[in-house]
Amino acid sequence: MRLEFVKDFRVSWEPVPTITVEMEYLGGILSVNRFKYQGRYTRPETKKWMEQLAFIIKMTCNCAEVRFKPPVKVRIDGVFRDRRSTPDLHNLTKPILDSIEEAIGINDKDFITETGVTQIGDPHLVITISQV
């Protein structure tokens, strides 16, 4: 699998096990309002992005021997080109949480979600998963 949407990833252990993944921001197709077409089918490019996020999280958990137990904290931060292109980060949670659920095997109802402040720069998302 070629991880074209993964920009960076890292693990830290202090104060709790934490995985941070930086993913390319694809624009509106990641929004809960647009990632499905015809109301049922996930867009192919969105699906590919979600699969790559799930893969890098699963691989990192396995290699670093990180095991999460409910509840899990998920924080989403974003860097965007300008203020006009800045989305509501809450609208991006559905595809991100579904990917994390797939990767770590914990239902996303057991996630504590948090969205951060947006910044201006090279567009990407920073997804942080940690044990509560």
N, C-alpha and C. Protein backbone atom coordinates (compact mmCIF):
# COMPACT_ATOMS: atom_id res chain seq x y z
N MET A 1 0.85 -1.18 0.00
CA MET A 1 0.00 0.00 0.00
C MET A 1 0.89 1.24 0.00
N ARG A 2 0.60 2.14 -0.89
CA ARG A 2 1.32 3.41 -0.96
C ARG A 2 0.58 4.43 -0.11
N LEU A 3 1.25 5.00 0.87
CA LEU A 3 0.62 5.93 1.80
C LEU A 3 0.80 7.37 1.31
N GLU A 4 0.09 7.71 0.25
CA GLU A 4 0.26 9.03 -0.35
C GLU A 4 -0.35 10.17 0.46
N PHE A 5 -1.29 9.88 1.36
CA PHE A 5 -1.94 10.94 2.13
C PHE A 5 -1.33 11.12 3.53
N VAL A 6 -0.46 10.20 3.95
CA VAL A 6 0.17 10.28 5.27
C VAL A 6 1.41 11.16 5.16
N LYS A 7 1.44 12.25 5.94
CA LYS A 7 2.58 13.16 5.91
C LYS A 7 3.62 12.81 6.98
N ASP A 8 3.14 12.38 8.16
CA ASP A 8 4.05 12.08 9.26
C ASP A 8 3.27 11.32 10.33
N PHE A 9 3.98 10.60 11.18
CA PHE A 9 3.36 9.94 12.33
C PHE A 9 4.42 9.74 13.41
N ARG A 10 3.95 9.71 14.65
CA ARG A 10 4.90 9.51 15.76
C ARG A 10 4.16 8.96 16.97
N VAL A 11 4.93 8.39 17.89
CA VAL A 11 4.40 7.83 19.13
C VAL A 11 5.14 8.48 20.28
N SER A 12 4.41 8.81 21.32
CA SER A 12 5.05 9.25 22.56
C SER A 12 4.42 8.47 23.71
N TRP A 13 5.14 8.37 24.79
CA TRP A 13 4.68 7.56 25.93
C TRP A 13 4.37 8.39 27.16
N GLU A 14 4.79 9.64 27.18
CA GLU A 14 4.61 10.47 28.37
C GLU A 14 3.60 11.58 28.10
N PRO A 15 2.69 11.83 28.94
CA PRO A 15 2.38 11.12 30.18
C PRO A 15 1.56 9.84 29.94
N VAL A 16 0.93 9.71 28.76
CA VAL A 16 0.18 8.50 28.41
C VAL A 16 0.53 8.12 26.98
N PRO A 17 0.28 6.85 26.58
CA PRO A 17 0.54 6.47 25.18
C PRO A 17 -0.26 7.37 24.22
N THR A 18 0.44 7.95 23.26
CA THR A 18 -0.17 8.87 22.31
C THR A 18 0.38 8.62 20.91
N ILE A 19 -0.52 8.54 19.94
CA ILE A 19 -0.14 8.43 18.53
C ILE A 19 -0.61 9.70 17.85
N THR A 20 0.29 10.34 17.11
CA THR A 20 -0.06 11.53 16.34
C THR A 20 0.21 11.25 14.87
N VAL A 21 -0.80 11.52 14.04
CA VAL A 21 -0.69 11.29 12.60
C VAL A 21 -1.02 12.60 11.89
N GLU A 22 -0.16 12.98 10.95
CA GLU A 22 -0.44 14.14 10.11
C GLU A 22 -0.86 13.61 8.74
N MET A 23 -2.06 14.05 8.31
CA MET A 23 -2.64 13.58 7.05
C MET A 23 -2.88 14.77 6.12
N GLU A 24 -2.73 14.53 4.84
CA GLU A 24 -3.06 15.55 3.86
C GLU A 24 -4.54 15.90 3.98
N TYR A 25 -4.86 17.16 3.83
CA TYR A 25 -6.26 17.60 3.85
C TYR A 25 -6.77 17.63 2.42
N LEU A 26 -7.81 16.85 2.13
CA LEU A 26 -8.33 16.72 0.77
C LEU A 26 -9.44 17.71 0.45
N GLY A 27 -9.81 18.53 1.38
CA GLY A 27 -10.88 19.49 1.13
C GLY A 27 -12.22 18.95 1.57
N GLY A 28 -13.28 19.48 0.96
CA GLY A 28 -14.65 19.19 1.37
C GLY A 28 -15.06 17.73 1.31
N ILE A 29 -14.35 16.90 0.56
CA ILE A 29 -14.76 15.49 0.46
C ILE A 29 -14.53 14.72 1.76
N LEU A 30 -13.88 15.33 2.73
CA LEU A 30 -13.74 14.70 4.05
C LEU A 30 -14.85 15.11 5.00
N SER A 31 -15.63 16.09 4.61
CA SER A 31 -16.70 16.60 5.47
C SER A 31 -17.83 15.60 5.59
N VAL A 32 -18.45 15.53 6.76
CA VAL A 32 -19.59 14.66 6.97
C VAL A 32 -20.71 15.00 5.99
N ASN A 33 -20.72 16.23 5.49
CA ASN A 33 -21.74 16.67 4.55
C ASN A 33 -21.49 16.19 3.13
N ARG A 34 -20.25 15.77 2.81
CA ARG A 34 -19.93 15.43 1.43
C ARG A 34 -19.17 14.13 1.21
N PHE A 35 -18.76 13.42 2.26
CA PHE A 35 -17.91 12.26 2.01
C PHE A 35 -18.67 11.07 1.45
N LYS A 36 -19.99 11.12 1.49
CA LYS A 36 -20.82 10.08 0.86
C LYS A 36 -21.53 10.69 -0.34
N TYR A 37 -21.71 9.89 -1.38
CA TYR A 37 -22.52 10.35 -2.50
C TYR A 37 -23.72 9.41 -2.61
N GLN A 38 -24.81 9.93 -3.13
CA GLN A 38 -26.09 9.23 -3.18
C GLN A 38 -26.52 8.80 -1.78
N GLY A 39 -26.00 9.45 -0.77
CA GLY A 39 -26.39 9.18 0.61
C GLY A 39 -25.90 7.88 1.20
N ARG A 40 -25.26 7.02 0.39
CA ARG A 40 -24.86 5.70 0.91
C ARG A 40 -23.43 5.30 0.64
N TYR A 41 -22.84 5.79 -0.42
CA TYR A 41 -21.54 5.30 -0.85
C TYR A 41 -20.44 6.30 -0.52
N THR A 42 -19.39 5.81 0.11
CA THR A 42 -18.25 6.67 0.41
C THR A 42 -17.50 6.94 -0.89
N ARG A 43 -17.15 8.19 -1.11
CA ARG A 43 -16.40 8.56 -2.31
C ARG A 43 -15.08 7.77 -2.35
N PRO A 44 -14.68 7.30 -3.51
CA PRO A 44 -13.45 6.48 -3.61
C PRO A 44 -12.22 7.16 -3.02
N GLU A 45 -12.03 8.46 -3.28
CA GLU A 45 -10.83 9.14 -2.76
C GLU A 45 -10.91 9.30 -1.24
N THR A 46 -12.13 9.49 -0.73
CA THR A 46 -12.30 9.57 0.72
C THR A 46 -12.03 8.21 1.36
N LYS A 47 -12.53 7.16 0.74
CA LYS A 47 -12.31 5.80 1.24
C LYS A 47 -10.82 5.47 1.28
N LYS A 48 -10.11 5.85 0.23
CA LYS A 48 -8.67 5.60 0.18
C LYS A 48 -7.95 6.35 1.31
N TRP A 49 -8.34 7.61 1.54
CA TRP A 49 -7.77 8.42 2.62
C TRP A 49 -8.03 7.76 3.96
N MET A 50 -9.27 7.31 4.18
CA MET A 50 -9.65 6.67 5.44
C MET A 50 -8.87 5.37 5.64
N GLU A 51 -8.71 4.59 4.58
CA GLU A 51 -7.96 3.33 4.67
C GLU A 51 -6.51 3.58 5.04
N GLN A 52 -5.91 4.63 4.48
CA GLN A 52 -4.52 4.94 4.80
C GLN A 52 -4.37 5.41 6.25
N LEU A 53 -5.32 6.19 6.73
CA LEU A 53 -5.29 6.61 8.13
C LEU A 53 -5.41 5.39 9.05
N ALA A 54 -6.36 4.51 8.76
CA ALA A 54 -6.53 3.30 9.58
C ALA A 54 -5.27 2.44 9.54
N PHE A 55 -4.69 2.28 8.37
CA PHE A 55 -3.49 1.44 8.23
C PHE A 55 -2.33 1.98 9.05
N ILE A 56 -2.06 3.30 8.96
CA ILE A 56 -0.90 3.86 9.66
C ILE A 56 -1.11 3.78 11.18
N ILE A 57 -2.34 3.94 11.64
CA ILE A 57 -2.61 3.82 13.08
C ILE A 57 -2.43 2.38 13.53
N LYS A 58 -2.98 1.44 12.78
CA LYS A 58 -2.86 0.03 13.14
C LYS A 58 -1.40 -0.41 13.13
N MET A 59 -0.66 -0.01 12.11
CA MET A 59 0.75 -0.37 12.02
C MET A 59 1.55 0.22 13.18
N THR A 60 1.28 1.49 13.50
CA THR A 60 1.99 2.14 14.60
C THR A 60 1.66 1.47 15.93
N CYS A 61 0.39 1.15 16.15
CA CYS A 61 0.01 0.44 17.39
C CYS A 61 0.73 -0.90 17.50
N ASN A 62 0.80 -1.64 16.40
CA ASN A 62 1.45 -2.95 16.43
C ASN A 62 2.95 -2.84 16.63
N CYS A 63 3.59 -1.94 15.91
CA CYS A 63 5.05 -1.80 16.01
C CYS A 63 5.49 -1.27 17.37
N ALA A 64 4.73 -0.31 17.90
CA ALA A 64 5.11 0.31 19.18
C ALA A 64 4.45 -0.40 20.36
N GLU A 65 3.68 -1.44 20.08
CA GLU A 65 2.96 -2.21 21.11
C GLU A 65 2.09 -1.30 21.97
N VAL A 66 1.34 -0.43 21.32
CA VAL A 66 0.38 0.45 22.00
C VAL A 66 -0.98 -0.22 21.97
N ARG A 67 -1.60 -0.36 23.11
CA ARG A 67 -2.95 -0.95 23.21
C ARG A 67 -3.84 0.05 23.94
N PHE A 68 -4.86 0.51 23.25
CA PHE A 68 -5.79 1.46 23.86
C PHE A 68 -6.95 0.71 24.48
N LYS A 69 -7.47 1.28 25.58
CA LYS A 69 -8.69 0.78 26.23
C LYS A 69 -9.66 1.95 26.34
N PRO A 70 -10.96 1.68 26.25
CA PRO A 70 -11.93 2.77 26.36
C PRO A 70 -11.84 3.44 27.72
N PRO A 71 -12.07 4.71 27.83
CA PRO A 71 -12.28 5.67 26.74
C PRO A 71 -10.96 6.13 26.12
N VAL A 72 -11.04 6.52 24.85
CA VAL A 72 -9.88 6.99 24.10
C VAL A 72 -10.15 8.45 23.71
N LYS A 73 -9.14 9.29 23.84
CA LYS A 73 -9.28 10.70 23.47
C LYS A 73 -8.74 10.91 22.05
N VAL A 74 -9.54 11.58 21.22
CA VAL A 74 -9.13 11.90 19.86
C VAL A 74 -9.22 13.42 19.68
N ARG A 75 -8.11 14.01 19.29
CA ARG A 75 -8.08 15.45 19.03
C ARG A 75 -7.75 15.68 17.56
N ILE A 76 -8.48 16.61 16.95
CA ILE A 76 -8.27 16.94 15.54
C ILE A 76 -7.89 18.41 15.44
N ASP A 77 -6.72 18.66 14.86
CA ASP A 77 -6.26 20.02 14.60
C ASP A 77 -6.06 20.15 13.09
N GLY A 78 -6.11 21.37 12.60
CA GLY A 78 -5.95 21.56 11.16
C GLY A 78 -5.16 22.80 10.81
N VAL A 79 -4.42 22.67 9.72
CA VAL A 79 -3.70 23.79 9.13
C VAL A 79 -4.26 23.93 7.72
N PHE A 80 -4.66 25.16 7.36
CA PHE A 80 -5.33 25.38 6.09
C PHE A 80 -4.71 26.55 5.34
N ARG A 81 -4.95 26.60 4.04
CA ARG A 81 -4.33 27.58 3.15
C ARG A 81 -4.64 29.02 3.56
N ASP A 82 -5.90 29.30 3.87
CA ASP A 82 -6.31 30.64 4.29
C ASP A 82 -7.61 30.53 5.08
N ARG A 83 -8.07 31.64 5.63
CA ARG A 83 -9.28 31.62 6.46
C ARG A 83 -10.52 31.20 5.67
N ARG A 84 -10.57 31.56 4.38
CA ARG A 84 -11.74 31.21 3.56
C ARG A 84 -11.84 29.70 3.32
N SER A 85 -10.72 29.00 3.31
CA SER A 85 -10.74 27.55 3.05
C SER A 85 -10.79 26.73 4.34
N THR A 86 -10.93 27.39 5.47
CA THR A 86 -10.94 26.70 6.76
C THR A 86 -12.31 26.08 7.02
N PRO A 87 -12.37 24.74 7.16
CA PRO A 87 -13.66 24.10 7.44
C PRO A 87 -13.97 24.10 8.93
N ASP A 88 -15.17 23.71 9.24
CA ASP A 88 -15.55 23.44 10.63
C ASP A 88 -14.97 22.08 10.96
N LEU A 89 -13.99 22.02 11.85
CA LEU A 89 -13.32 20.75 12.16
C LEU A 89 -14.29 19.68 12.67
N HIS A 90 -15.39 20.10 13.29
CA HIS A 90 -16.37 19.12 13.77
C HIS A 90 -16.96 18.32 12.61
N ASN A 91 -17.05 18.91 11.42
CA ASN A 91 -17.60 18.21 10.27
C ASN A 91 -16.66 17.13 9.73
N LEU A 92 -15.41 17.14 10.17
CA LEU A 92 -14.43 16.15 9.70
C LEU A 92 -14.34 14.94 10.63
N THR A 93 -15.03 14.98 11.76
CA THR A 93 -14.85 13.92 12.75
C THR A 93 -15.38 12.56 12.28
N LYS A 94 -16.48 12.50 11.55
CA LYS A 94 -17.10 11.22 11.19
C LYS A 94 -16.13 10.30 10.43
N PRO A 95 -15.55 10.72 9.29
CA PRO A 95 -14.63 9.80 8.61
C PRO A 95 -13.37 9.50 9.40
N ILE A 96 -12.90 10.47 10.20
CA ILE A 96 -11.69 10.25 11.00
C ILE A 96 -11.97 9.24 12.10
N LEU A 97 -13.08 9.41 12.83
CA LEU A 97 -13.40 8.48 13.91
C LEU A 97 -13.70 7.08 13.39
N ASP A 98 -14.34 6.98 12.23
CA ASP A 98 -14.59 5.66 11.63
C ASP A 98 -13.27 4.95 11.30
N SER A 99 -12.29 5.70 10.82
CA SER A 99 -10.98 5.13 10.51
C SER A 99 -10.26 4.65 11.76
N ILE A 100 -10.33 5.46 12.81
CA ILE A 100 -9.67 5.08 14.07
C ILE A 100 -10.35 3.86 14.67
N GLU A 101 -11.67 3.82 14.62
CA GLU A 101 -12.42 2.66 15.12
C GLU A 101 -11.96 1.39 14.40
N GLU A 102 -11.81 1.47 13.10
CA GLU A 102 -11.35 0.34 12.30
C GLU A 102 -9.95 -0.10 12.73
N ALA A 103 -9.09 0.87 13.02
CA ALA A 103 -7.69 0.58 13.33
C ALA A 103 -7.49 -0.02 14.72
N ILE A 104 -8.19 0.51 15.73
CA ILE A 104 -7.91 0.08 17.10
C ILE A 104 -8.98 -0.84 17.68
N GLY A 105 -10.07 -1.03 16.94
CA GLY A 105 -11.08 -1.99 17.38
C GLY A 105 -11.92 -1.53 18.57
N ILE A 106 -12.02 -0.24 18.77
CA ILE A 106 -12.86 0.30 19.84
C ILE A 106 -13.95 1.14 19.19
N ASN A 107 -15.18 0.93 19.58
CA ASN A 107 -16.31 1.65 19.01
C ASN A 107 -16.14 3.15 19.24
N ASP A 108 -16.44 3.94 18.20
CA ASP A 108 -16.23 5.38 18.33
C ASP A 108 -17.17 6.06 19.32
N LYS A 109 -18.17 5.35 19.82
CA LYS A 109 -19.00 5.92 20.89
C LYS A 109 -18.20 6.03 22.19
N ASP A 110 -17.09 5.29 22.28
CA ASP A 110 -16.22 5.34 23.46
C ASP A 110 -15.05 6.31 23.29
N PHE A 111 -15.14 7.20 22.29
CA PHE A 111 -14.11 8.21 22.06
C PHE A 111 -14.55 9.53 22.69
N ILE A 112 -13.60 10.21 23.26
CA ILE A 112 -13.81 11.59 23.69
C ILE A 112 -13.15 12.44 22.61
N THR A 113 -13.95 13.23 21.91
CA THR A 113 -13.40 13.99 20.79
C THR A 113 -13.20 15.46 21.16
N GLU A 114 -12.20 16.03 20.54
CA GLU A 114 -11.85 17.42 20.79
C GLU A 114 -11.33 18.00 19.48
N THR A 115 -11.78 19.19 19.14
CA THR A 115 -11.24 19.86 17.96
C THR A 115 -10.45 21.06 18.42
N GLY A 116 -9.36 21.31 17.74
CA GLY A 116 -8.47 22.38 18.14
C GLY A 116 -8.70 23.66 17.35
N VAL A 117 -7.78 24.55 17.49
CA VAL A 117 -7.81 25.82 16.79
C VAL A 117 -7.15 25.63 15.43
N THR A 118 -7.73 26.23 14.39
CA THR A 118 -7.15 26.10 13.06
C THR A 118 -6.01 27.11 12.88
N GLN A 119 -5.07 26.75 12.01
CA GLN A 119 -3.93 27.60 11.72
C GLN A 119 -3.82 27.78 10.21
N ILE A 120 -3.02 28.73 9.78
CA ILE A 120 -2.80 28.99 8.36
C ILE A 120 -1.41 28.49 7.98
N GLY A 121 -1.33 27.78 6.84
CA GLY A 121 -0.05 27.25 6.38
C GLY A 121 -0.28 26.17 5.34
N ASP A 122 0.65 25.21 5.28
CA ASP A 122 0.55 24.07 4.37
C ASP A 122 -0.61 23.18 4.82
N PRO A 123 -1.66 23.02 4.02
CA PRO A 123 -2.87 22.31 4.48
C PRO A 123 -2.61 20.85 4.87
N HIS A 124 -2.98 20.53 6.11
CA HIS A 124 -2.94 19.16 6.60
C HIS A 124 -3.74 19.07 7.90
N LEU A 125 -4.07 17.85 8.28
CA LEU A 125 -4.77 17.59 9.54
C LEU A 125 -3.81 16.89 10.49
N VAL A 126 -3.93 17.20 11.77
CA VAL A 126 -3.14 16.55 12.81
C VAL A 126 -4.12 15.82 13.71
N ILE A 127 -4.02 14.50 13.72
CA ILE A 127 -4.94 13.65 14.49
C ILE A 127 -4.14 13.01 15.62
N THR A 128 -4.59 13.27 16.84
CA THR A 128 -3.90 12.76 18.03
C THR A 128 -4.80 11.83 18.78
N ILE A 129 -4.31 10.61 19.03
CA ILE A 129 -5.08 9.58 19.73
C ILE A 129 -4.32 9.27 21.02
N SER A 130 -5.01 9.34 22.15
CA SER A 130 -4.32 9.07 23.41
C SER A 130 -5.25 8.35 24.38
N GLN A 131 -4.63 7.69 25.33
CA GLN A 131 -5.38 7.04 26.40
C GLN A 131 -5.81 8.10 27.39
N VAL A 132 -7.03 8.02 27.86
CA VAL A 132 -7.54 8.99 28.84
C VAL A 132 -6.98 8.63 30.20
